[in-house]
């Protein structure tokens, strides 16, 4: 079994889960996609999982994720 075959099931699972979240948010919120941070969170998770997380790049991830979380919290409070 080659490396590409080993990762294929995981990639399909991640794609399916993200698709389900997109559909659930789209239907529940009334036509708005809320799964925009998937790519950022996936990159953080992969880098942590493979032990290649570099703290110097944490600011890049945080610059996208923190404002998203603040906006989501503020919108939820409204």
PDB file of N, CA and C in Angstrom:
ATOM      1  N   UNK A   1       0.850  -1.177   0.000  1.00  0.00           N
ATOM      2  CA  UNK A   1       0.000   0.000   0.000  1.00  0.00           C
ATOM      3  C   UNK A   1       0.897   1.241   0.000  1.00  0.00           C
ATOM      4  N   UNK A   2       0.647   2.147  -0.927  1.00  0.00           N
ATOM      5  CA  UNK A   2       1.474   3.354  -0.982  1.00  0.00           C
ATOM      6  C   UNK A   2       0.897   4.457  -0.092  1.00  0.00           C
ATOM      7  N   UNK A   3       1.655   5.505   0.067  1.00  0.00           N
ATOM      8  CA  UNK A   3       1.286   6.594   0.970  1.00  0.00           C
ATOM      9  C   UNK A   3       0.008   7.286   0.512  1.00  0.00           C
ATOM     10  N   UNK A   4      -0.150   7.488  -0.789  1.00  0.00           N
ATOM     11  CA  UNK A   4      -1.341   8.177  -1.307  1.00  0.00           C
ATOM     12  C   UNK A   4      -2.607   7.409  -0.971  1.00  0.00           C
ATOM     13  N   UNK A   5      -2.561   6.095  -1.013  1.00  0.00           N
ATOM     14  CA  UNK A   5      -3.730   5.280  -0.684  1.00  0.00           C
ATOM     15  C   UNK A   5      -4.060   5.382   0.794  1.00  0.00           C
ATOM     16  N   UNK A   6      -3.068   5.484   1.650  1.00  0.00           N
ATOM     17  CA  UNK A   6      -3.308   5.567   3.086  1.00  0.00           C
ATOM     18  C   UNK A   6      -4.036   6.856   3.457  1.00  0.00           C
ATOM     19  N   UNK A   7      -3.731   7.944   2.790  1.00  0.00           N
ATOM     20  CA  UNK A   7      -4.340   9.231   3.113  1.00  0.00           C
ATOM     21  C   UNK A   7      -5.681   9.457   2.414  1.00  0.00           C
ATOM     22  N   UNK A   8      -5.967   8.685   1.415  1.00  0.00           N
ATOM     23  CA  UNK A   8      -7.171   8.901   0.605  1.00  0.00           C
ATOM     24  C   UNK A   8      -8.442   8.823   1.450  1.00  0.00           C
ATOM     25  N   UNK A   9      -8.560   7.837   2.321  1.00  0.00           N
ATOM     26  CA  UNK A   9      -9.761   7.699   3.147  1.00  0.00           C
ATOM     27  C   UNK A   9      -9.923   8.894   4.079  1.00  0.00           C
ATOM     28  N   UNK A  10      -8.842   9.378   4.652  1.00  0.00           N
ATOM     29  CA  UNK A  10      -8.904  10.543   5.528  1.00  0.00           C
ATOM     30  C   UNK A  10      -9.312  11.802   4.793  1.00  0.00           C
ATOM     31  N   UNK A  11      -8.782  11.974   3.597  1.00  0.00           N
ATOM     32  CA  UNK A  11      -9.136  13.145   2.792  1.00  0.00           C
ATOM     33  C   UNK A  11     -10.609  13.093   2.407  1.00  0.00           C
ATOM     34  N   UNK A  12     -11.102  11.931   2.028  1.00  0.00           N
ATOM     35  CA  UNK A  12     -12.522  11.797   1.697  1.00  0.00           C
ATOM     36  C   UNK A  12     -13.395  12.056   2.916  1.00  0.00           C
ATOM     37  N   UNK A  13     -12.976  11.576   4.079  1.00  0.00           N
ATOM     38  CA  UNK A  13     -13.746  11.805   5.304  1.00  0.00           C
ATOM     39  C   UNK A  13     -13.792  13.288   5.650  1.00  0.00           C
ATOM     40  N   UNK A  14     -12.649  13.968   5.579  1.00  0.00           N
ATOM     41  CA  UNK A  14     -12.615  15.411   5.857  1.00  0.00           C
ATOM     42  C   UNK A  14     -13.486  16.181   4.878  1.00  0.00           C
ATOM     43  N   UNK A  15     -13.436  15.819   3.615  1.00  0.00           N
ATOM     44  CA  UNK A  15     -14.239  16.494   2.605  1.00  0.00           C
ATOM     45  C   UNK A  15     -15.722  16.299   2.869  1.00  0.00           C
ATOM     46  N   UNK A  16     -16.108  15.089   3.216  1.00  0.00           N
ATOM     47  CA  UNK A  16     -17.510  14.810   3.509  1.00  0.00           C
ATOM     48  C   UNK A  16     -18.009  15.549   4.734  1.00  0.00           C
ATOM     49  N   UNK A  17     -17.212  15.563   5.781  1.00  0.00           N
ATOM     50  CA  UNK A  17     -17.600  16.259   7.010  1.00  0.00           C
ATOM     51  C   UNK A  17     -17.739  17.753   6.754  1.00  0.00           C
ATOM     52  N   UNK A  18     -16.775  18.350   6.067  1.00  0.00           N
ATOM     53  CA  UNK A  18     -16.847  19.788   5.765  1.00  0.00           C
ATOM     54  C   UNK A  18     -18.045  20.096   4.876  1.00  0.00           C
ATOM     55  N   UNK A  19     -18.340  19.223   3.953  1.00  0.00           N
ATOM     56  CA  UNK A  19     -19.518  19.413   3.106  1.00  0.00           C
ATOM     57  C   UNK A  19     -20.806  19.361   3.908  1.00  0.00           C
ATOM     58  N   UNK A  20     -20.894  18.427   4.844  1.00  0.00           N
ATOM     59  CA  UNK A  20     -22.079  18.340   5.696  1.00  0.00           C
ATOM     60  C   UNK A  20     -22.242  19.595   6.551  1.00  0.00           C
ATOM     61  N   UNK A  21     -21.144  20.106   7.082  1.00  0.00           N
ATOM     62  CA  UNK A  21     -21.207  21.327   7.884  1.00  0.00           C
ATOM     63  C   UNK A  21     -21.641  22.503   7.013  1.00  0.00           C
ATOM     64  N   UNK A  22     -21.104  22.587   5.803  1.00  0.00           N
ATOM     65  CA  UNK A  22     -21.512  23.659   4.890  1.00  0.00           C
ATOM     66  C   UNK A  22     -23.013  23.601   4.604  1.00  0.00           C
ATOM     67  N   UNK A  23     -23.514  22.416   4.303  1.00  0.00           N
ATOM     68  CA  UNK A  23     -24.941  22.266   3.998  1.00  0.00           C
ATOM     69  C   UNK A  23     -25.796  22.600   5.215  1.00  0.00           C
ATOM     70  N   UNK A  24     -25.419  22.092   6.387  1.00  0.00           N
ATOM     71  CA  UNK A  24     -26.201  22.362   7.601  1.00  0.00           C
ATOM     72  C   UNK A  24     -26.240  23.856   7.908  1.00  0.00           C
ATOM     73  N   UNK A  25     -25.112  24.530   7.791  1.00  0.00           N
ATOM     74  CA  UNK A  25     -25.077  25.980   8.035  1.00  0.00           C
ATOM     75  C   UNK A  25     -25.883  26.724   6.984  1.00  0.00           C
ATOM     76  N   UNK A  26     -25.767  26.316   5.735  1.00  0.00           N
ATOM     77  CA  UNK A  26     -26.480  26.990   4.654  1.00  0.00           C
ATOM     78  C   UNK A  26     -27.985  26.897   4.861  1.00  0.00           C
ATOM     79  N   UNK A  27     -28.464  25.727   5.239  1.00  0.00           N
ATOM     80  CA  UNK A  27     -29.905  25.534   5.451  1.00  0.00           C
ATOM     81  C   UNK A  27     -30.368  26.203   6.746  1.00  0.00           C
ATOM     82  N   UNK A  28     -29.630  26.027   7.824  1.00  0.00           N
ATOM     83  CA  UNK A  28     -30.052  26.551   9.127  1.00  0.00           C
ATOM     84  C   UNK A  28     -29.995  28.069   9.195  1.00  0.00           C
ATOM     85  N   UNK A  29     -29.003  28.669   8.569  1.00  0.00           N
ATOM     86  CA  UNK A  29     -28.832  30.115   8.667  1.00  0.00           C
ATOM     87  C   UNK A  29     -29.630  30.827   7.581  1.00  0.00           C
ATOM     88  N   UNK A  30     -30.085  30.119   6.592  1.00  0.00           N
ATOM     89  CA  UNK A  30     -30.894  30.743   5.556  1.00  0.00           C
ATOM     90  C   UNK A  30     -30.105  31.231   4.361  1.00  0.00           C
ATOM     91  N   UNK A  31     -29.205  30.429   3.876  1.00  0.00           N
ATOM     92  CA  UNK A  31     -28.478  30.772   2.660  1.00  0.00           C
ATOM     93  C   UNK A  31     -27.128  31.420   2.882  1.00  0.00           C
ATOM     94  N   UNK A  32     -26.550  31.248   4.048  1.00  0.00           N
ATOM     95  CA  UNK A  32     -25.242  31.824   4.348  1.00  0.00           C
ATOM     96  C   UNK A  32     -24.282  30.701   4.706  1.00  0.00           C
ATOM     97  N   UNK A  33     -23.120  30.700   4.064  1.00  0.00           N
ATOM     98  CA  UNK A  33     -22.096  29.727   4.418  1.00  0.00           C
ATOM     99  C   UNK A  33     -21.300  30.232   5.614  1.00  0.00           C
ATOM    100  N   UNK A  34     -21.120  29.401   6.606  1.00  0.00           N
ATOM    101  CA  UNK A  34     -20.369  29.789   7.797  1.00  0.00           C
ATOM    102  C   UNK A  34     -19.094  28.987   7.958  1.00  0.00           C
ATOM    103  N   UNK A  35     -18.780  28.120   7.035  1.00  0.00           N
ATOM    104  CA  UNK A  35     -17.626  27.232   7.151  1.00  0.00           C
ATOM    105  C   UNK A  35     -16.428  27.811   6.410  1.00  0.00           C
ATOM    106  N   UNK A  36     -16.131  29.070   6.615  1.00  0.00           N
ATOM    107  CA  UNK A  36     -15.054  29.713   5.887  1.00  0.00           C
ATOM    108  C   UNK A  36     -13.690  29.505   6.521  1.00  0.00           C
ATOM    109  N   UNK A  37     -13.626  29.056   7.753  1.00  0.00           N
ATOM    110  CA  UNK A  37     -12.345  28.873   8.430  1.00  0.00           C
ATOM    111  C   UNK A  37     -11.830  27.442   8.317  1.00  0.00           C
ATOM    112  N   UNK A  38     -12.498  26.609   7.543  1.00  0.00           N
ATOM    113  CA  UNK A  38     -12.085  25.212   7.412  1.00  0.00           C
ATOM    114  C   UNK A  38     -10.634  25.091   6.969  1.00  0.00           C
ATOM    115  N   UNK A  39     -10.239  25.820   5.960  1.00  0.00           N
ATOM    116  CA  UNK A  39      -8.867  25.729   5.451  1.00  0.00           C
ATOM    117  C   UNK A  39      -7.847  26.122   6.492  1.00  0.00           C
ATOM    118  N   UNK A  40      -8.104  27.212   7.205  1.00  0.00           N
ATOM    119  CA  UNK A  40      -7.165  27.649   8.236  1.00  0.00           C
ATOM    120  C   UNK A  40      -7.054  26.631   9.360  1.00  0.00           C
ATOM    121  N   UNK A  41      -8.178  26.149   9.830  1.00  0.00           N
ATOM    122  CA  UNK A  41      -8.154  25.174  10.919  1.00  0.00           C
ATOM    123  C   UNK A  41      -7.538  23.858  10.472  1.00  0.00           C
ATOM    124  N   UNK A  42      -7.774  23.483   9.240  1.00  0.00           N
ATOM    125  CA  UNK A  42      -7.176  22.257   8.708  1.00  0.00           C
ATOM    126  C   UNK A  42      -5.659  22.369   8.644  1.00  0.00           C
ATOM    127  N   UNK A  43      -5.155  23.515   8.196  1.00  0.00           N
ATOM    128  CA  UNK A  43      -3.703  23.705   8.140  1.00  0.00           C
ATOM    129  C   UNK A  43      -3.081  23.687   9.533  1.00  0.00           C
ATOM    130  N   UNK A  44      -3.741  24.311  10.494  1.00  0.00           N
ATOM    131  CA  UNK A  44      -3.241  24.283  11.871  1.00  0.00           C
ATOM    132  C   UNK A  44      -3.232  22.846  12.390  1.00  0.00           C
ATOM    133  N   UNK A  45      -4.330  22.140  12.178  1.00  0.00           N
ATOM    134  CA  UNK A  45      -4.420  20.750  12.643  1.00  0.00           C
ATOM    135  C   UNK A  45      -3.387  19.842  12.020  1.00  0.00           C
ATOM    136  N   UNK A  46      -3.174  19.990  10.731  1.00  0.00           N
ATOM    137  CA  UNK A  46      -2.170  19.167  10.049  1.00  0.00           C
ATOM    138  C   UNK A  46      -0.776  19.488  10.564  1.00  0.00           C
ATOM    139  N   UNK A  47      -0.479  20.772  10.729  1.00  0.00           N
ATOM    140  CA  UNK A  47       0.871  21.119  11.191  1.00  0.00           C
ATOM    141  C   UNK A  47       1.115  20.646  12.621  1.00  0.00           C
ATOM    142  N   UNK A  48       0.092  20.704  13.464  1.00  0.00           N
ATOM    143  CA  UNK A  48       0.238  20.195  14.831  1.00  0.00           C
ATOM    144  C   UNK A  48       0.341  18.673  14.815  1.00  0.00           C
ATOM    145  N   UNK A  49      -0.512  18.030  14.018  1.00  0.00           N
ATOM    146  CA  UNK A  49      -0.528  16.568  13.959  1.00  0.00           C
ATOM    147  C   UNK A  49       0.749  15.967  13.409  1.00  0.00           C
ATOM    148  N   UNK A  50       1.401  16.664  12.512  1.00  0.00           N
ATOM    149  CA  UNK A  50       2.639  16.160  11.936  1.00  0.00           C
ATOM    150  C   UNK A  50       3.872  16.708  12.660  1.00  0.00           C
ATOM    151  N   UNK A  51       3.636  17.405  13.747  1.00  0.00           N
ATOM    152  CA  UNK A  51       4.704  17.993  14.570  1.00  0.00           C
ATOM    153  C   UNK A  51       5.581  18.952  13.778  1.00  0.00           C
ATOM    154  N   UNK A  52       4.976  19.656  12.828  1.00  0.00           N
ATOM    155  CA  UNK A  52       5.693  20.648  12.040  1.00  0.00           C
ATOM    156  C   UNK A  52       5.191  22.055  12.336  1.00  0.00           C
ATOM    157  N   UNK A  53       4.472  22.212  13.451  1.00  0.00           N
ATOM    158  CA  UNK A  53       3.919  23.520  13.793  1.00  0.00           C
ATOM    159  C   UNK A  53       5.043  24.452  14.188  1.00  0.00           C
ATOM    160  N   UNK A  54       5.108  25.571  13.510  1.00  0.00           N
ATOM    161  CA  UNK A  54       6.135  26.565  13.770  1.00  0.00           C
ATOM    162  C   UNK A  54       5.466  27.754  14.452  1.00  0.00           C
ATOM    163  N   UNK A  55       5.831  28.063  15.700  1.00  0.00           N
ATOM    164  CA  UNK A  55       5.185  29.174  16.404  1.00  0.00           C
ATOM    165  C   UNK A  55       5.258  30.508  15.662  1.00  0.00           C
ATOM    166  N   UNK A  56       6.230  30.674  14.797  1.00  0.00           N
ATOM    167  CA  UNK A  56       6.325  31.935  14.054  1.00  0.00           C
ATOM    168  C   UNK A  56       5.187  32.074  13.044  1.00  0.00           C
ATOM    169  N   UNK A  57       4.606  30.967  12.607  1.00  0.00           N
ATOM    170  CA  UNK A  57       3.475  31.048  11.692  1.00  0.00           C
ATOM    171  C   UNK A  57       2.141  31.118  12.433  1.00  0.00           C
ATOM    172  N   UNK A  58       2.169  30.988  13.743  1.00  0.00           N
ATOM    173  CA  UNK A  58       0.930  31.067  14.516  1.00  0.00           C
ATOM    174  C   UNK A  58       0.253  32.413  14.328  1.00  0.00           C
ATOM    175  N   UNK A  59       1.026  33.470  14.152  1.00  0.00           N
ATOM    176  CA  UNK A  59       0.453  34.802  13.935  1.00  0.00           C
ATOM    177  C   UNK A  59      -0.332  34.849  12.626  1.00  0.00           C
ATOM    178  N   UNK A  60       0.125  34.123  11.611  1.00  0.00           N
ATOM    179  CA  UNK A  60      -0.607  34.082  10.346  1.00  0.00           C
ATOM    180  C   UNK A  60      -1.966  33.425  10.516  1.00  0.00           C
ATOM    181  N   UNK A  61      -1.976  32.283  11.211  1.00  0.00           N
ATOM    182  CA  UNK A  61      -3.243  31.605  11.454  1.00  0.00           C
ATOM    183  C   UNK A  61      -4.145  32.449  12.344  1.00  0.00           C
ATOM    184  N   UNK A  62      -3.578  33.034  13.385  1.00  0.00           N
ATOM    185  CA  UNK A  62      -4.361  33.828  14.325  1.00  0.00           C
ATOM    186  C   UNK A  62      -4.940  35.068  13.660  1.00  0.00           C
ATOM    187  N   UNK A  63      -4.217  35.640  12.691  1.00  0.00           N
ATOM    188  CA  UNK A  63      -4.717  36.848  12.029  1.00  0.00           C
ATOM    189  C   UNK A  63      -5.988  36.582  11.228  1.00  0.00           C
ATOM    190  N   UNK A  64      -6.262  35.344  10.889  1.00  0.00           N
ATOM    191  CA  UNK A  64      -7.495  34.999  10.190  1.00  0.00           C
ATOM    192  C   UNK A  64      -8.538  34.420  11.135  1.00  0.00           C
ATOM    193  N   UNK A  65      -8.102  33.590  12.061  1.00  0.00           N
ATOM    194  CA  UNK A  65      -9.058  32.880  12.921  1.00  0.00           C
ATOM    195  C   UNK A  65      -9.618  33.770  14.018  1.00  0.00           C
ATOM    196  N   UNK A  66      -8.795  34.590  14.664  1.00  0.00           N
ATOM    197  CA  UNK A  66      -9.264  35.418  15.786  1.00  0.00           C
ATOM    198  C   UNK A  66     -10.334  36.426  15.340  1.00  0.00           C
ATOM    199  N   UNK A  67     -10.140  37.177  14.258  1.00  0.00           N
ATOM    200  CA  UNK A  67     -11.215  38.086  13.842  1.00  0.00           C
ATOM    201  C   UNK A  67     -12.505  37.353  13.474  1.00  0.00           C
ATOM    202  N   UNK A  68     -12.366  36.168  12.873  1.00  0.00           N
ATOM    203  CA  UNK A  68     -13.538  35.370  12.558  1.00  0.00           C
ATOM    204  C   UNK A  68     -14.295  34.999  13.825  1.00  0.00           C
ATOM    205  N   UNK A  69     -13.562  34.541  14.847  1.00  0.00           N
ATOM    206  CA  UNK A  69     -14.198  34.173  16.109  1.00  0.00           C
ATOM    207  C   UNK A  69     -14.835  35.381  16.792  1.00  0.00           C
ATOM    208  N   UNK A  70     -14.156  36.514  16.779  1.00  0.00           N
ATOM    209  CA  UNK A  70     -14.724  37.721  17.378  1.00  0.00           C
ATOM    210  C   UNK A  70     -15.989  38.152  16.654  1.00  0.00           C
ATOM    211  N   UNK A  71     -15.969  38.115  15.343  1.00  0.00           N
ATOM    212  CA  UNK A  71     -17.153  38.458  14.559  1.00  0.00           C
ATOM    213  C   UNK A  71     -18.296  37.490  14.795  1.00  0.00           C
ATOM    214  N   UNK A  72     -17.983  36.209  14.884  1.00  0.00           N
ATOM    215  CA  UNK A  72     -19.019  35.222  15.151  1.00  0.00           C
ATOM    216  C   UNK A  72     -19.621  35.406  16.531  1.00  0.00           C
ATOM    217  N   UNK A  73     -18.778  35.707  17.512  1.00  0.00           N
ATOM    218  CA  UNK A  73     -19.270  35.951  18.878  1.00  0.00           C
ATOM    219  C   UNK A  73     -20.149  37.211  18.907  1.00  0.00           C
ATOM    220  N   UNK A  74     -19.682  38.275  18.253  1.00  0.00           N
ATOM    221  CA  UNK A  74     -20.466  39.524  18.232  1.00  0.00           C
ATOM    222  C   UNK A  74     -21.799  39.332  17.528  1.00  0.00           C
ATOM    223  N   UNK A  75     -21.801  38.616  16.414  1.00  0.00           N
ATOM    224  CA  UNK A  75     -23.049  38.355  15.704  1.00  0.00           C
ATOM    225  C   UNK A  75     -23.984  37.493  16.535  1.00  0.00           C
ATOM    226  N   UNK A  76     -23.431  36.534  17.261  1.00  0.00           N
ATOM    227  CA  UNK A  76     -24.259  35.709  18.124  1.00  0.00           C
ATOM    228  C   UNK A  76     -24.886  36.499  19.274  1.00  0.00           C
ATOM    229  N   UNK A  77     -24.142  37.455  19.794  1.00  0.00           N
ATOM    230  CA  UNK A  77     -24.662  38.305  20.871  1.00  0.00           C
ATOM    231  C   UNK A  77     -25.775  39.224  20.359  1.00  0.00           C
ATOM    232  N   UNK A  78     -25.647  39.662  19.101  1.00  0.00           N
ATOM    233  CA  UNK A  78     -26.670  40.526  18.516  1.00  0.00           C
ATOM    234  C   UNK A  78     -27.968  39.777  18.369  1.00  0.00           C
TER     235      UNK A  78
END
